[in-house]
Amino acid sequence: MIRAATAADAPRNLEIWRGAVRATHDFLAPADLEAIDALVAEYLPATVSWVKVDDEDRPLGFLAMTEAHVDALFVDPVRHGSGVGRALIDHARSLHPALTVDVNEQNPRAIGFYERLGFERTGRSDTDDQGRPYPLLHMRRSA
């Protein structure tokens, strides 16, 4: 089941984010990881997001969006490859048939995930949104 996230989900979502980043973002410098972690801890309770939950209503992954742009999609690493991320993208597409997302160029698993779901590369930035040296690929999935 996918439902709107609540403030009570924020600690679990932060746990999911931390686990997923440890599993997929080995390119982040420790100081940058610490700074980003603090930003995410503030961001999660304040953002509109969706969670895919298990039978006990425990989040397995979350999706945050601004209109048709996927701001964040993170899945508990023990659930990678189980369809949680795909289900969240399918939910996003039910809200906005055409989607955009920015993906770290140094995260080939995420790039492959989005490409398998029909996203295409539309551009590149040399830095992330905070100007850090982590290039982003801009991707789009048409309706």
N, C-alpha and C. Protein backbone atom coordinates (compact mmCIF):
# COMPACT_ATOMS: atom_id res chain seq x y z
N MET A 1 0.83 -1.18 0.00
CA MET A 1 0.00 0.00 0.00
C MET A 1 0.89 1.25 0.00
N ILE A 2 0.44 2.25 -0.70
CA ILE A 2 1.11 3.55 -0.71
C ILE A 2 0.15 4.55 -0.10
N ARG A 3 0.66 5.35 0.82
CA ARG A 3 -0.15 6.36 1.48
C ARG A 3 0.67 7.63 1.67
N ALA A 4 -0.03 8.71 1.98
CA ALA A 4 0.67 9.96 2.27
C ALA A 4 1.51 9.77 3.54
N ALA A 5 2.70 10.32 3.52
CA ALA A 5 3.56 10.26 4.70
C ALA A 5 3.01 11.19 5.78
N THR A 6 3.26 10.83 7.01
CA THR A 6 2.89 11.67 8.15
C THR A 6 4.16 12.09 8.88
N ALA A 7 4.02 13.03 9.79
CA ALA A 7 5.17 13.46 10.59
C ALA A 7 5.75 12.28 11.37
N ALA A 8 4.90 11.35 11.76
CA ALA A 8 5.37 10.18 12.51
C ALA A 8 6.27 9.28 11.66
N ASP A 9 6.20 9.39 10.33
CA ASP A 9 7.04 8.58 9.44
C ASP A 9 8.45 9.14 9.30
N ALA A 10 8.66 10.40 9.68
CA ALA A 10 9.95 11.06 9.42
C ALA A 10 11.14 10.30 9.99
N PRO A 11 11.10 9.80 11.24
CA PRO A 11 12.28 9.07 11.73
C PRO A 11 12.58 7.81 10.91
N ARG A 12 11.56 7.07 10.54
CA ARG A 12 11.77 5.87 9.72
C ARG A 12 12.27 6.25 8.34
N ASN A 13 11.71 7.31 7.75
CA ASN A 13 12.16 7.74 6.44
C ASN A 13 13.62 8.19 6.47
N LEU A 14 14.02 8.85 7.55
CA LEU A 14 15.42 9.25 7.69
C LEU A 14 16.30 8.01 7.81
N GLU A 15 15.85 7.00 8.52
CA GLU A 15 16.56 5.73 8.63
C GLU A 15 16.71 5.08 7.24
N ILE A 16 15.62 5.10 6.47
CA ILE A 16 15.67 4.56 5.10
C ILE A 16 16.67 5.34 4.27
N TRP A 17 16.61 6.67 4.36
CA TRP A 17 17.53 7.51 3.58
C TRP A 17 18.97 7.17 3.93
N ARG A 18 19.27 7.10 5.22
CA ARG A 18 20.65 6.82 5.65
C ARG A 18 21.12 5.46 5.15
N GLY A 19 20.28 4.45 5.26
CA GLY A 19 20.67 3.12 4.80
C GLY A 19 20.87 3.07 3.30
N ALA A 20 19.97 3.70 2.56
CA ALA A 20 20.08 3.71 1.10
C ALA A 20 21.31 4.47 0.64
N VAL A 21 21.60 5.58 1.28
CA VAL A 21 22.78 6.37 0.91
C VAL A 21 24.06 5.59 1.23
N ARG A 22 24.10 4.93 2.37
CA ARG A 22 25.28 4.10 2.68
C ARG A 22 25.47 3.01 1.62
N ALA A 23 24.37 2.48 1.10
CA ALA A 23 24.44 1.39 0.13
C ALA A 23 24.77 1.86 -1.29
N THR A 24 24.48 3.12 -1.61
CA THR A 24 24.57 3.54 -3.02
C THR A 24 25.38 4.81 -3.27
N HIS A 25 25.74 5.54 -2.23
CA HIS A 25 26.40 6.83 -2.42
C HIS A 25 27.81 6.83 -1.82
N ASP A 26 28.61 5.82 -2.15
CA ASP A 26 29.95 5.74 -1.59
C ASP A 26 30.88 6.84 -2.10
N PHE A 27 30.42 7.62 -3.04
CA PHE A 27 31.20 8.71 -3.61
C PHE A 27 31.15 9.98 -2.75
N LEU A 28 30.23 10.05 -1.79
CA LEU A 28 30.10 11.26 -0.97
C LEU A 28 31.24 11.37 0.03
N ALA A 29 31.84 12.55 0.11
CA ALA A 29 32.85 12.81 1.13
C ALA A 29 32.16 12.83 2.49
N PRO A 30 32.83 12.35 3.54
CA PRO A 30 32.20 12.31 4.86
C PRO A 30 31.62 13.64 5.34
N ALA A 31 32.33 14.72 5.11
CA ALA A 31 31.81 16.03 5.54
C ALA A 31 30.54 16.40 4.77
N ASP A 32 30.52 16.09 3.48
CA ASP A 32 29.33 16.37 2.67
C ASP A 32 28.17 15.50 3.13
N LEU A 33 28.44 14.23 3.41
CA LEU A 33 27.40 13.33 3.88
C LEU A 33 26.78 13.86 5.17
N GLU A 34 27.60 14.32 6.07
CA GLU A 34 27.11 14.88 7.34
C GLU A 34 26.24 16.11 7.10
N ALA A 35 26.67 16.99 6.22
CA ALA A 35 25.90 18.20 5.93
C ALA A 35 24.58 17.87 5.24
N ILE A 36 24.61 16.94 4.30
CA ILE A 36 23.40 16.54 3.59
C ILE A 36 22.43 15.85 4.56
N ASP A 37 22.97 15.03 5.45
CA ASP A 37 22.14 14.34 6.44
C ASP A 37 21.35 15.36 7.27
N ALA A 38 22.00 16.42 7.69
CA ALA A 38 21.32 17.45 8.49
C ALA A 38 20.20 18.11 7.67
N LEU A 39 20.45 18.37 6.40
CA LEU A 39 19.43 18.95 5.53
C LEU A 39 18.24 18.01 5.37
N VAL A 40 18.52 16.74 5.15
CA VAL A 40 17.46 15.74 4.96
C VAL A 40 16.63 15.60 6.23
N ALA A 41 17.29 15.62 7.38
CA ALA A 41 16.57 15.51 8.66
C ALA A 41 15.57 16.65 8.84
N GLU A 42 15.91 17.83 8.34
CA GLU A 42 14.98 18.97 8.40
C GLU A 42 13.91 18.88 7.30
N TYR A 43 14.30 18.39 6.15
CA TYR A 43 13.45 18.35 4.96
C TYR A 43 12.30 17.35 5.10
N LEU A 44 12.60 16.16 5.59
CA LEU A 44 11.60 15.09 5.58
C LEU A 44 10.31 15.43 6.32
N PRO A 45 10.35 15.97 7.52
CA PRO A 45 9.08 16.26 8.20
C PRO A 45 8.27 17.37 7.53
N ALA A 46 8.95 18.21 6.75
CA ALA A 46 8.29 19.39 6.18
C ALA A 46 7.81 19.20 4.75
N THR A 47 8.11 18.07 4.14
CA THR A 47 7.80 17.89 2.73
C THR A 47 6.56 17.03 2.53
N VAL A 48 5.94 17.22 1.40
CA VAL A 48 4.83 16.36 1.01
C VAL A 48 5.44 15.13 0.36
N SER A 49 5.14 13.99 0.92
CA SER A 49 5.72 12.78 0.36
C SER A 49 4.77 11.61 0.53
N TRP A 50 5.16 10.53 -0.09
CA TRP A 50 4.39 9.29 -0.09
C TRP A 50 5.28 8.17 0.44
N VAL A 51 4.68 7.20 1.10
CA VAL A 51 5.42 6.06 1.59
C VAL A 51 4.77 4.77 1.11
N LYS A 52 5.60 3.81 0.76
CA LYS A 52 5.16 2.44 0.50
C LYS A 52 5.37 1.71 1.81
N VAL A 53 4.31 1.11 2.33
CA VAL A 53 4.37 0.50 3.65
C VAL A 53 4.13 -1.01 3.56
N ASP A 54 4.59 -1.71 4.60
CA ASP A 54 4.34 -3.15 4.69
C ASP A 54 2.99 -3.39 5.35
N ASP A 55 2.68 -4.62 5.64
CA ASP A 55 1.38 -4.98 6.22
C ASP A 55 1.18 -4.40 7.62
N GLU A 56 2.26 -4.00 8.27
CA GLU A 56 2.17 -3.40 9.60
C GLU A 56 2.27 -1.89 9.56
N ASP A 57 2.12 -1.31 8.36
CA ASP A 57 2.16 0.14 8.13
C ASP A 57 3.54 0.74 8.39
N ARG A 58 4.58 -0.03 8.25
CA ARG A 58 5.95 0.44 8.42
C ARG A 58 6.51 0.82 7.05
N PRO A 59 7.00 2.05 6.89
CA PRO A 59 7.55 2.46 5.59
C PRO A 59 8.71 1.58 5.12
N LEU A 60 8.64 1.23 3.84
CA LEU A 60 9.70 0.47 3.17
C LEU A 60 10.50 1.38 2.23
N GLY A 61 9.89 2.48 1.83
CA GLY A 61 10.51 3.45 0.94
C GLY A 61 9.65 4.68 0.89
N PHE A 62 10.24 5.78 0.42
CA PHE A 62 9.46 7.02 0.34
C PHE A 62 9.80 7.79 -0.93
N LEU A 63 8.86 8.62 -1.32
CA LEU A 63 8.94 9.45 -2.52
C LEU A 63 8.53 10.85 -2.13
N ALA A 64 9.34 11.84 -2.49
CA ALA A 64 8.98 13.24 -2.30
C ALA A 64 8.97 13.91 -3.66
N MET A 65 7.98 14.77 -3.87
CA MET A 65 7.81 15.42 -5.17
C MET A 65 7.48 16.89 -5.01
N THR A 66 7.89 17.66 -6.01
CA THR A 66 7.42 19.02 -6.20
C THR A 66 6.76 19.02 -7.56
N GLU A 67 5.43 19.10 -7.55
CA GLU A 67 4.65 18.95 -8.77
C GLU A 67 5.07 17.67 -9.48
N ALA A 68 5.55 17.73 -10.73
CA ALA A 68 5.90 16.53 -11.48
C ALA A 68 7.38 16.17 -11.38
N HIS A 69 8.10 16.80 -10.46
CA HIS A 69 9.53 16.51 -10.29
C HIS A 69 9.73 15.63 -9.07
N VAL A 70 10.42 14.51 -9.27
CA VAL A 70 10.77 13.63 -8.16
C VAL A 70 11.98 14.23 -7.45
N ASP A 71 11.74 14.72 -6.23
CA ASP A 71 12.81 15.31 -5.44
C ASP A 71 13.64 14.24 -4.73
N ALA A 72 12.98 13.18 -4.31
CA ALA A 72 13.66 12.13 -3.56
C ALA A 72 12.90 10.82 -3.71
N LEU A 73 13.64 9.76 -3.91
CA LEU A 73 13.08 8.40 -3.91
C LEU A 73 14.13 7.52 -3.26
N PHE A 74 13.80 7.00 -2.09
CA PHE A 74 14.73 6.15 -1.36
C PHE A 74 13.99 4.94 -0.83
N VAL A 75 14.65 3.80 -0.93
CA VAL A 75 14.08 2.51 -0.52
C VAL A 75 15.04 1.87 0.47
N ASP A 76 14.47 1.25 1.50
CA ASP A 76 15.28 0.51 2.47
C ASP A 76 16.17 -0.44 1.68
N PRO A 77 17.48 -0.44 1.91
CA PRO A 77 18.37 -1.25 1.09
C PRO A 77 18.06 -2.75 1.12
N VAL A 78 17.47 -3.25 2.18
CA VAL A 78 17.10 -4.68 2.18
C VAL A 78 15.95 -4.95 1.23
N ARG A 79 15.28 -3.89 0.76
CA ARG A 79 14.17 -4.02 -0.18
C ARG A 79 14.56 -3.63 -1.60
N HIS A 80 15.83 -3.26 -1.83
CA HIS A 80 16.25 -2.91 -3.20
C HIS A 80 15.96 -4.08 -4.12
N GLY A 81 15.39 -3.79 -5.27
CA GLY A 81 15.08 -4.82 -6.26
C GLY A 81 13.78 -5.56 -6.02
N SER A 82 13.01 -5.14 -5.03
CA SER A 82 11.77 -5.85 -4.69
C SER A 82 10.51 -5.22 -5.27
N GLY A 83 10.66 -4.10 -5.99
CA GLY A 83 9.51 -3.44 -6.59
C GLY A 83 8.99 -2.24 -5.82
N VAL A 84 9.60 -1.92 -4.68
CA VAL A 84 9.15 -0.78 -3.89
C VAL A 84 9.35 0.52 -4.66
N GLY A 85 10.53 0.71 -5.23
CA GLY A 85 10.81 1.93 -5.99
C GLY A 85 9.92 2.05 -7.21
N ARG A 86 9.73 0.96 -7.91
CA ARG A 86 8.85 0.96 -9.09
C ARG A 86 7.42 1.33 -8.69
N ALA A 87 6.94 0.79 -7.57
CA ALA A 87 5.58 1.10 -7.11
C ALA A 87 5.45 2.58 -6.79
N LEU A 88 6.48 3.16 -6.19
CA LEU A 88 6.43 4.58 -5.87
C LEU A 88 6.45 5.44 -7.14
N ILE A 89 7.24 5.05 -8.13
CA ILE A 89 7.24 5.78 -9.40
C ILE A 89 5.89 5.61 -10.10
N ASP A 90 5.32 4.43 -10.06
CA ASP A 90 3.99 4.23 -10.65
C ASP A 90 2.97 5.15 -9.97
N HIS A 91 3.09 5.30 -8.66
CA HIS A 91 2.19 6.20 -7.95
C HIS A 91 2.41 7.64 -8.42
N ALA A 92 3.67 8.03 -8.54
CA ALA A 92 3.98 9.39 -9.02
C ALA A 92 3.39 9.61 -10.40
N ARG A 93 3.48 8.61 -11.26
CA ARG A 93 2.93 8.73 -12.62
C ARG A 93 1.41 8.81 -12.60
N SER A 94 0.76 8.23 -11.59
CA SER A 94 -0.70 8.36 -11.48
C SER A 94 -1.09 9.79 -11.14
N LEU A 95 -0.17 10.53 -10.52
CA LEU A 95 -0.42 11.92 -10.18
C LEU A 95 0.00 12.86 -11.30
N HIS A 96 1.11 12.53 -11.95
CA HIS A 96 1.69 13.34 -13.04
C HIS A 96 2.25 12.37 -14.08
N PRO A 97 1.58 12.17 -15.19
CA PRO A 97 2.04 11.18 -16.18
C PRO A 97 3.45 11.42 -16.71
N ALA A 98 3.87 12.67 -16.83
CA ALA A 98 5.23 12.98 -17.25
C ALA A 98 6.01 13.42 -16.01
N LEU A 99 7.18 12.83 -15.81
CA LEU A 99 7.97 13.11 -14.61
C LEU A 99 9.38 13.53 -14.98
N THR A 100 10.01 14.28 -14.09
CA THR A 100 11.42 14.59 -14.19
C THR A 100 12.10 14.18 -12.89
N VAL A 101 13.40 13.96 -12.98
CA VAL A 101 14.20 13.60 -11.81
C VAL A 101 15.65 13.98 -12.08
N ASP A 102 16.39 14.32 -11.04
CA ASP A 102 17.83 14.53 -11.13
C ASP A 102 18.50 13.40 -10.37
N VAL A 103 19.50 12.79 -10.98
CA VAL A 103 20.16 11.62 -10.41
C VAL A 103 21.67 11.88 -10.36
N ASN A 104 22.29 11.51 -9.24
CA ASN A 104 23.74 11.62 -9.15
C ASN A 104 24.40 10.77 -10.24
N GLU A 105 25.24 11.40 -11.02
CA GLU A 105 25.94 10.70 -12.09
C GLU A 105 26.79 9.55 -11.56
N GLN A 106 27.24 9.67 -10.31
CA GLN A 106 28.10 8.64 -9.71
C GLN A 106 27.29 7.49 -9.11
N ASN A 107 26.00 7.46 -9.35
CA ASN A 107 25.13 6.40 -8.82
C ASN A 107 24.54 5.60 -9.99
N PRO A 108 25.33 4.70 -10.58
CA PRO A 108 24.87 3.98 -11.76
C PRO A 108 23.64 3.10 -11.51
N ARG A 109 23.47 2.61 -10.30
CA ARG A 109 22.28 1.79 -10.01
C ARG A 109 21.02 2.63 -10.15
N ALA A 110 21.04 3.86 -9.65
CA ALA A 110 19.87 4.72 -9.76
C ALA A 110 19.62 5.10 -11.22
N ILE A 111 20.67 5.39 -11.94
CA ILE A 111 20.51 5.74 -13.36
C ILE A 111 19.86 4.56 -14.10
N GLY A 112 20.37 3.37 -13.88
CA GLY A 112 19.80 2.18 -14.51
C GLY A 112 18.35 1.96 -14.13
N PHE A 113 18.03 2.19 -12.86
CA PHE A 113 16.64 2.05 -12.38
C PHE A 113 15.73 2.97 -13.19
N TYR A 114 16.07 4.23 -13.26
CA TYR A 114 15.21 5.19 -13.97
C TYR A 114 15.16 4.89 -15.47
N GLU A 115 16.28 4.50 -16.05
CA GLU A 115 16.26 4.16 -17.48
C GLU A 115 15.36 2.95 -17.74
N ARG A 116 15.39 1.95 -16.87
CA ARG A 116 14.50 0.78 -17.04
C ARG A 116 13.03 1.19 -16.96
N LEU A 117 12.73 2.27 -16.25
CA LEU A 117 11.36 2.75 -16.14
C LEU A 117 10.99 3.75 -17.23
N GLY A 118 11.87 3.92 -18.21
CA GLY A 118 11.54 4.76 -19.36
C GLY A 118 12.01 6.19 -19.28
N PHE A 119 12.80 6.53 -18.28
CA PHE A 119 13.35 7.89 -18.19
C PHE A 119 14.51 8.01 -19.17
N GLU A 120 14.63 9.20 -19.75
CA GLU A 120 15.72 9.48 -20.68
C GLU A 120 16.52 10.67 -20.17
N ARG A 121 17.80 10.67 -20.47
CA ARG A 121 18.67 11.77 -20.07
C ARG A 121 18.36 13.00 -20.92
N THR A 122 18.22 14.13 -20.23
CA THR A 122 17.92 15.37 -20.95
C THR A 122 18.97 16.45 -20.72
N GLY A 123 19.89 16.21 -19.80
CA GLY A 123 20.92 17.20 -19.52
C GLY A 123 21.79 16.76 -18.37
N ARG A 124 22.74 17.64 -18.03
CA ARG A 124 23.70 17.34 -16.97
C ARG A 124 24.13 18.64 -16.32
N SER A 125 24.36 18.57 -15.01
CA SER A 125 24.94 19.67 -14.26
C SER A 125 26.24 19.19 -13.65
N ASP A 126 27.24 20.06 -13.59
CA ASP A 126 28.54 19.67 -13.04
C ASP A 126 28.52 19.51 -11.52
N THR A 127 27.52 20.11 -10.87
CA THR A 127 27.44 20.07 -9.41
C THR A 127 26.02 19.71 -8.98
N ASP A 128 25.89 19.38 -7.69
CA ASP A 128 24.55 19.13 -7.17
C ASP A 128 23.86 20.46 -6.87
N ASP A 129 22.68 20.41 -6.29
CA ASP A 129 21.90 21.62 -6.06
C ASP A 129 22.55 22.59 -5.07
N GLN A 130 23.46 22.09 -4.24
CA GLN A 130 24.16 22.95 -3.29
C GLN A 130 25.55 23.36 -3.79
N GLY A 131 25.86 23.05 -5.03
CA GLY A 131 27.15 23.43 -5.61
C GLY A 131 28.29 22.48 -5.27
N ARG A 132 27.97 21.33 -4.71
CA ARG A 132 29.01 20.35 -4.38
C ARG A 132 29.43 19.62 -5.66
N PRO A 133 30.64 19.04 -5.66
CA PRO A 133 31.16 18.42 -6.89
C PRO A 133 30.59 17.03 -7.17
N TYR A 134 29.27 16.94 -7.20
CA TYR A 134 28.58 15.69 -7.50
C TYR A 134 27.66 15.93 -8.68
N PRO A 135 28.12 15.64 -9.89
CA PRO A 135 27.34 15.92 -11.10
C PRO A 135 25.97 15.25 -11.06
N LEU A 136 25.00 15.93 -11.62
CA LEU A 136 23.64 15.42 -11.72
C LEU A 136 23.27 15.18 -13.17
N LEU A 137 22.58 14.09 -13.42
CA LEU A 137 21.96 13.84 -14.71
C LEU A 137 20.50 14.24 -14.58
N HIS A 138 20.00 15.02 -15.51
CA HIS A 138 18.59 15.41 -15.54
C HIS A 138 17.88 14.43 -16.45
N MET A 139 16.80 13.86 -15.94
CA MET A 139 16.08 12.83 -16.69
C MET A 139 14.60 13.15 -16.74
N ARG A 140 13.95 12.63 -17.78
CA ARG A 140 12.52 12.86 -17.98
C ARG A 140 11.87 11.58 -18.50
N ARG A 141 10.67 11.36 -18.02
CA ARG A 141 9.83 10.29 -18.55
C ARG A 141 8.57 10.95 -19.08
N SER A 142 8.35 10.80 -20.35
CA SER A 142 7.17 11.39 -20.98
C SER A 142 5.92 10.60 -20.61
N ALA A 143 4.79 11.25 -20.80
CA ALA A 143 3.51 10.60 -20.49
C ALA A 143 3.24 9.42 -21.39
